[in-house]
Amino acid sequence: MASLSSPRLLSSFLGDRLALSGRPLLLRSAVPGSRRVAYQATRTLCNLVDILFNRRSRDDAPENNPRRLHPGKVSPRLSVPNHIQRPPYVNSRQQRPGMNNGPEIHDEKGIECMRASGKLAAQVLKFAGTLVKPGITTDEIDKAVHQMIIDNGAYPSPLGYCGYPKSVCTSVNECICHGIPDSRPLEDGDIINIDVTVYLNGYHGDTSATFLCGDVDDEAKKLVKVTRECLDKAISICAPGVEIKQIGRTIQDHADKFKFGVVRHFVGHGVGKVFHAEPVVLHFRNNEWGRMMLNQTFTIGTAFRSLPLFY
């Protein structure tokens, strides 16, 4: 599972580098056999949604859909005090950080550190959610999140990861995930996913949630509600020895009941000393092998579309 699925994991975050350049970015990752495979990244994640999912018609063109998401201006990256410990990939010359070759199993110290980093990430996410209201920009949310993280002696893990320029990911409406905070104000009726990861005492704590901005329509509310239900159901089955593929089955079984399609381009992942690590967690039915192990940590990040185009 590790060698087959690693490129999915790498491309899911590396795609965000494309916002730094006006040209498509070609990324390479290792796979069995040829050991190299190309990933053609589009300029923004919003364009990625168009290509992979929407196949939009002329009636859905930007000029006919004033609510379609348009990127704003990205401000300069924020600074982090020198005394705060940085992940190894910060200021590294490597184009992408390395991955571990197997699951990380935590000892007592590791468990304690993971609890601390996860707790801080959850506190930051809760605070970020209180900021969501019409008129605030995602850049303002990023600045507030950044300040809270460094005030607690931690490093914002996304900052500098594969060139990512911000301290949090803010994904609005049709942007699936890993959206870059910018000058666009949130509008009444938007939904926004805020993805927080902190690096504290050498360990990453990673969490995210989707928030409603103002008066959100029933369809969007249903999407957020069902997504949360899928996450809760997936978490409930986790235990040592359970097949990891059961997570995808559990999520898709529930999504099918509401005719939602599961986004397949992005995955859950191991997290600990390494930001993105084994195991790779697919959110749809699959036949990948691997079982959950005692004292390992990983993320489950469900993402849906209202049309089941990729079944």
Protein backbone atom coordinates (compact mmCIF):
# COMPACT_ATOMS: atom_id res chain seq x y z
CA MET A 1 0.00 0.00 0.00
CA ALA A 2 2.82 2.38 0.81
CA SER A 3 4.52 2.38 -2.57
CA LEU A 4 1.32 2.36 -4.59
CA SER A 5 -0.44 5.14 -2.71
CA SER A 6 2.37 7.53 -1.78
CA PRO A 7 2.07 9.61 -4.98
CA ARG A 8 -1.60 10.34 -4.13
CA LEU A 9 -0.56 11.70 -0.76
CA LEU A 10 2.28 13.80 -2.11
CA SER A 11 0.25 15.31 -4.92
CA SER A 12 -2.62 16.18 -2.59
CA PHE A 13 -0.57 18.87 -0.88
CA LEU A 14 2.08 19.60 -3.49
CA GLY A 15 -0.66 20.82 -5.79
CA ASP A 16 -0.87 23.98 -3.70
CA ARG A 17 2.55 25.10 -4.97
CA LEU A 18 0.92 25.86 -8.30
CA ALA A 19 -0.56 29.10 -6.95
CA LEU A 20 2.97 30.50 -6.84
CA SER A 21 3.38 30.29 -10.59
CA GLY A 22 1.28 31.20 -13.60
CA ARG A 23 2.40 28.05 -15.41
CA PRO A 24 1.35 24.46 -14.78
CA LEU A 25 3.80 22.65 -12.54
CA LEU A 26 5.06 19.15 -13.30
CA LEU A 27 5.73 17.08 -10.21
CA ARG A 28 7.33 13.65 -10.03
CA SER A 29 6.97 10.91 -7.45
CA ALA A 30 8.21 7.36 -7.10
CA VAL A 31 6.11 4.34 -8.07
CA PRO A 32 6.96 0.66 -8.51
CA GLY A 33 8.45 -0.33 -11.86
CA SER A 34 9.23 2.92 -13.60
CA ARG A 35 9.79 4.58 -10.16
CA ARG A 36 8.67 7.91 -11.58
CA VAL A 37 5.26 9.25 -12.52
CA ALA A 38 4.24 12.72 -13.62
CA TYR A 39 1.55 14.78 -11.99
CA GLN A 40 0.23 17.64 -14.06
CA ALA A 41 -0.90 20.35 -11.65
CA THR A 42 -3.25 23.15 -12.66
CA ARG A 43 -2.79 26.77 -11.65
CA THR A 44 -5.24 26.75 -8.74
CA LEU A 45 -7.23 24.17 -6.82
CA CYS A 46 -10.39 25.84 -8.09
CA ASN A 47 -9.30 25.01 -11.65
CA LEU A 48 -8.55 21.49 -10.44
CA VAL A 49 -12.18 21.18 -9.39
CA ASP A 50 -13.27 22.30 -12.86
CA ILE A 51 -11.10 19.73 -14.60
CA LEU A 52 -11.73 16.74 -12.34
CA PHE A 53 -15.33 17.18 -11.31
CA ASN A 54 -17.36 19.94 -12.91
CA ARG A 55 -16.80 19.51 -16.65
CA ARG A 56 -18.84 22.63 -16.62
CA SER A 57 -21.02 23.81 -19.45
CA ARG A 58 -21.23 27.27 -20.93
CA ASP A 59 -24.15 28.00 -18.63
CA ASP A 60 -21.79 27.53 -15.65
CA ALA A 61 -19.07 29.80 -17.01
CA PRO A 62 -17.76 32.51 -14.62
CA GLU A 63 -19.59 35.31 -16.40
CA ASN A 64 -22.87 33.47 -15.83
CA ASN A 65 -22.13 32.51 -12.24
CA PRO A 66 -21.17 35.56 -10.17
CA ARG A 67 -20.73 33.44 -7.01
CA ARG A 68 -18.00 31.29 -8.54
CA LEU A 69 -14.87 31.55 -6.46
CA HIS A 70 -12.16 33.89 -7.73
CA PRO A 71 -8.72 34.12 -6.10
CA GLY A 72 -7.67 37.32 -4.36
CA LYS A 73 -4.22 38.68 -3.63
CA VAL A 74 -1.84 36.64 -1.48
CA SER A 75 0.08 38.71 1.06
CA PRO A 76 3.71 38.00 2.02
CA ARG A 77 4.37 35.06 4.34
CA LEU A 78 4.44 35.77 8.05
CA SER A 79 7.53 35.41 10.23
CA VAL A 80 8.09 32.96 13.06
CA PRO A 81 10.31 33.80 16.07
CA ASN A 82 13.72 32.17 15.93
CA HIS A 83 13.30 30.33 19.24
CA ILE A 84 10.39 28.22 17.91
CA GLN A 85 11.38 24.75 16.69
CA ARG A 86 10.90 24.29 12.94
CA PRO A 87 10.09 21.12 11.00
CA PRO A 88 13.05 19.74 8.99
CA TYR A 89 11.51 20.79 5.65
CA VAL A 90 11.53 24.50 6.51
CA ASN A 91 14.36 26.27 4.68
CA SER A 92 15.34 22.95 3.12
CA ARG A 93 16.54 22.86 -0.46
CA GLN A 94 14.54 19.70 -1.12
CA GLN A 95 11.61 20.27 -3.46
CA ARG A 96 9.46 17.99 -1.34
CA PRO A 97 9.95 16.49 2.10
CA GLY A 98 10.77 12.81 2.43
CA MET A 99 8.28 10.23 3.65
CA ASN A 100 8.90 7.46 6.14
CA ASN A 101 8.87 3.93 4.76
CA GLY A 102 6.33 2.57 7.23
CA PRO A 103 3.86 3.57 9.92
CA GLU A 104 5.18 5.49 12.89
CA ILE A 105 4.45 3.70 16.17
CA HIS A 106 4.63 6.07 19.12
CA ASP A 107 6.26 5.30 22.45
CA GLU A 108 5.03 6.91 25.69
CA LYS A 109 6.80 10.18 24.95
CA GLY A 110 5.45 10.21 21.41
CA ILE A 111 1.89 9.65 22.63
CA GLU A 112 2.25 12.51 25.10
CA CYS A 113 3.62 14.82 22.41
CA MET A 114 0.88 13.85 19.95
CA ARG A 115 -1.78 14.59 22.55
CA ALA A 116 -0.26 18.03 23.16
CA SER A 117 0.05 18.97 19.49
CA GLY A 118 -3.42 17.61 18.71
CA LYS A 119 -4.94 19.52 21.61
CA LEU A 120 -3.35 22.78 20.50
CA ALA A 121 -4.47 22.23 16.90
CA ALA A 122 -8.04 21.65 18.12
CA GLN A 123 -7.97 24.83 20.20
CA VAL A 124 -6.66 26.86 17.28
CA LEU A 125 -9.31 25.40 14.95
CA LYS A 126 -12.09 26.24 17.42
CA PHE A 127 -10.79 29.81 17.64
CA ALA A 128 -10.55 30.10 13.86
CA GLY A 129 -14.17 29.00 13.54
CA THR A 130 -15.31 31.91 15.72
CA LEU A 131 -13.79 34.31 13.18
CA VAL A 132 -15.94 33.09 10.28
CA LYS A 133 -18.43 35.80 9.29
CA PRO A 134 -19.32 37.74 6.14
CA GLY A 135 -16.72 40.36 5.32
CA ILE A 136 -13.65 38.82 6.93
CA THR A 137 -10.89 37.76 4.56
CA THR A 138 -9.19 34.39 4.72
CA ASP A 139 -5.92 36.32 5.00
CA GLU A 140 -7.18 37.84 8.26
CA ILE A 141 -8.05 34.35 9.51
CA ASP A 142 -4.54 33.20 8.57
CA LYS A 143 -2.93 36.03 10.52
CA ALA A 144 -5.00 35.32 13.62
CA VAL A 145 -4.28 31.59 13.44
CA HIS A 146 -0.57 32.23 12.88
CA GLN A 147 -0.39 34.48 15.94
CA MET A 148 -2.16 31.99 18.21
CA ILE A 149 0.11 29.16 17.10
CA ILE A 150 3.37 31.01 17.69
CA ASP A 151 2.04 32.46 20.98
CA ASN A 152 1.81 28.85 22.14
CA GLY A 153 5.38 28.09 21.14
CA ALA A 154 4.48 26.06 18.05
CA TYR A 155 5.21 26.33 14.34
CA PRO A 156 2.39 26.45 11.74
CA SER A 157 3.17 23.27 9.79
CA PRO A 158 1.87 24.37 6.34
CA LEU A 159 4.15 27.44 6.26
CA GLY A 160 7.00 26.64 3.88
CA TYR A 161 5.85 23.07 3.19
CA CYS A 162 6.63 22.52 -0.50
CA GLY A 163 6.59 26.29 -0.92
CA TYR A 164 3.16 26.82 0.67
CA PRO A 165 3.07 30.53 1.61
CA LYS A 166 0.59 30.59 4.50
CA SER A 167 0.08 29.21 8.00
CA VAL A 168 -3.35 27.63 7.53
CA CYS A 169 -5.44 26.24 4.67
CA THR A 170 -8.79 27.94 3.97
CA SER A 171 -10.95 26.26 1.34
CA VAL A 172 -14.09 28.13 0.35
CA ASN A 173 -17.08 26.63 -1.48
CA GLU A 174 -15.90 24.66 -4.55
CA CYS A 175 -12.24 24.66 -3.48
CA ILE A 176 -11.82 21.07 -2.23
CA CYS A 177 -8.94 21.54 0.22
CA HIS A 178 -5.58 23.25 0.84
CA GLY A 179 -6.87 26.64 -0.34
CA ILE A 180 -4.41 29.51 0.11
CA PRO A 181 -5.66 32.42 2.28
CA ASP A 182 -5.97 35.66 0.35
CA SER A 183 -7.73 39.03 0.20
CA ARG A 184 -11.17 37.69 -0.82
CA PRO A 185 -13.78 38.52 1.84
CA LEU A 186 -16.12 35.73 2.89
CA GLU A 187 -19.66 36.22 1.66
CA ASP A 188 -23.00 35.43 3.23
CA GLY A 189 -23.83 31.85 2.28
CA ASP A 190 -20.24 30.63 1.90
CA ILE A 191 -18.93 27.46 3.50
CA ILE A 192 -15.27 27.32 4.47
CA ASN A 193 -13.03 24.47 5.52
CA ILE A 194 -10.21 25.54 7.84
CA ASP A 195 -7.30 23.09 8.05
CA VAL A 196 -4.94 23.64 10.99
CA THR A 197 -1.67 21.82 11.63
CA VAL A 198 0.79 22.77 14.35
CA TYR A 199 4.32 21.52 14.98
CA LEU A 200 4.92 21.34 18.72
CA ASN A 201 7.86 19.66 20.43
CA GLY A 202 8.75 17.79 17.23
CA TYR A 203 5.27 16.43 16.45
CA HIS A 204 2.51 17.58 14.07
CA GLY A 205 -1.09 17.90 15.24
CA ASP A 206 -3.47 18.05 12.26
CA THR A 207 -7.21 18.81 12.21
CA SER A 208 -9.84 20.57 10.13
CA ALA A 209 -13.54 21.41 10.05
CA THR A 210 -16.02 23.13 7.75
CA PHE A 211 -17.87 26.21 8.99
CA LEU A 212 -21.00 27.99 7.76
CA CYS A 213 -20.73 31.70 6.97
CA GLY A 214 -23.96 33.60 7.52
CA ASP A 215 -27.16 32.29 5.96
CA VAL A 216 -26.17 29.09 4.14
CA ASP A 217 -28.60 27.27 1.83
CA ASP A 218 -30.04 23.88 2.73
CA GLU A 219 -27.99 21.97 0.15
CA ALA A 220 -24.71 23.25 1.57
CA LYS A 221 -25.86 22.60 5.13
CA LYS A 222 -26.72 19.02 4.17
CA LEU A 223 -23.32 18.55 2.53
CA VAL A 224 -21.51 19.71 5.68
CA LYS A 225 -23.74 17.63 7.95
CA VAL A 226 -23.36 14.39 5.99
CA THR A 227 -19.61 14.90 5.68
CA ARG A 228 -19.33 15.22 9.45
CA GLU A 229 -21.46 12.11 9.92
CA CYS A 230 -19.17 10.16 7.62
CA LEU A 231 -16.14 11.29 9.57
CA ASP A 232 -17.71 10.30 12.89
CA LYS A 233 -18.72 6.88 11.55
CA ALA A 234 -15.21 6.31 10.19
CA ILE A 235 -13.60 7.26 13.50
CA SER A 236 -15.95 4.93 15.38
CA ILE A 237 -14.61 1.82 13.62
CA CYS A 238 -10.94 2.58 14.26
CA ALA A 239 -9.14 0.05 16.47
CA PRO A 240 -5.95 -2.03 16.36
CA GLY A 241 -6.19 -4.76 13.73
CA VAL A 242 -9.01 -3.22 11.72
CA GLU A 243 -8.35 -3.06 7.97
CA ILE A 244 -7.64 0.51 6.88
CA LYS A 245 -9.82 0.02 3.81
CA GLN A 246 -12.85 -0.23 6.11
CA ILE A 247 -12.60 3.54 6.56
CA GLY A 248 -13.28 4.12 2.86
CA ARG A 249 -16.11 1.61 2.82
CA THR A 250 -17.75 3.19 5.87
CA ILE A 251 -17.52 6.68 4.40
CA GLN A 252 -18.82 5.79 0.96
CA ASP A 253 -21.64 3.61 2.30
CA HIS A 254 -23.02 6.60 4.21
CA ALA A 255 -22.38 9.08 1.39
CA ASP A 256 -24.23 6.83 -1.07
CA LYS A 257 -27.40 7.12 0.99
CA PHE A 258 -27.50 10.85 0.25
CA LYS A 259 -26.20 10.58 -3.35
CA PHE A 260 -22.98 12.39 -2.56
CA GLY A 261 -19.79 11.55 -4.44
CA VAL A 262 -16.54 11.08 -2.54
CA VAL A 263 -13.57 13.11 -3.77
CA ARG A 264 -10.85 10.61 -4.64
CA HIS A 265 -7.95 12.90 -5.45
CA PHE A 266 -7.12 13.63 -1.80
CA VAL A 267 -6.42 11.23 1.05
CA GLY A 268 -5.95 10.86 4.78
CA HIS A 269 -2.43 10.15 5.99
CA GLY A 270 -0.23 9.19 8.88
CA VAL A 271 0.94 12.09 11.02
CA GLY A 272 3.45 12.44 13.83
CA LYS A 273 7.09 13.42 13.59
CA VAL A 274 6.45 13.56 9.82
CA PHE A 275 3.71 15.85 8.46
CA HIS A 276 2.47 13.46 5.76
CA ALA A 277 3.37 9.81 6.30
CA GLU A 278 2.15 6.24 5.99
CA PRO A 279 -0.51 4.93 6.06
CA VAL A 280 -2.39 6.46 3.15
CA VAL A 281 -6.11 6.47 3.98
CA LEU A 282 -8.50 6.32 1.02
CA HIS A 283 -11.99 7.68 1.65
CA PHE A 284 -13.82 5.48 -0.86
CA ARG A 285 -14.24 1.73 -1.35
CA ASN A 286 -10.89 0.17 -2.19
CA ASN A 287 -8.89 -3.02 -1.95
CA GLU A 288 -5.68 -1.58 -0.51
CA TRP A 289 -4.09 -3.77 2.16
CA GLY A 290 -2.96 -2.76 5.62
CA ARG A 291 -4.31 -2.79 9.16
CA MET A 292 -4.44 -0.21 11.92
CA MET A 293 -1.76 -0.62 14.57
CA LEU A 294 -1.72 0.24 18.25
CA ASN A 295 -0.17 3.67 18.98
CA GLN A 296 -0.12 4.92 15.39
CA THR A 297 -1.82 8.18 14.41
CA PHE A 298 -3.41 9.15 11.11
CA THR A 299 -5.93 11.59 9.69
CA ILE A 300 -9.29 10.97 8.08
CA GLY A 301 -10.25 13.88 5.83
CA THR A 302 -13.59 13.41 4.11
CA ALA A 303 -14.48 15.58 1.11
CA PHE A 304 -17.66 15.31 -0.96
CA ARG A 305 -19.31 16.66 -4.08
CA SER A 306 -23.05 16.91 -4.54
CA LEU A 307 -22.88 14.90 -7.80
CA PRO A 308 -21.48 11.35 -7.81
CA LEU A 309 -19.33 11.85 -10.91
CA PHE A 310 -16.39 9.71 -9.87
CA TYR A 311 -18.05 6.48 -8.79
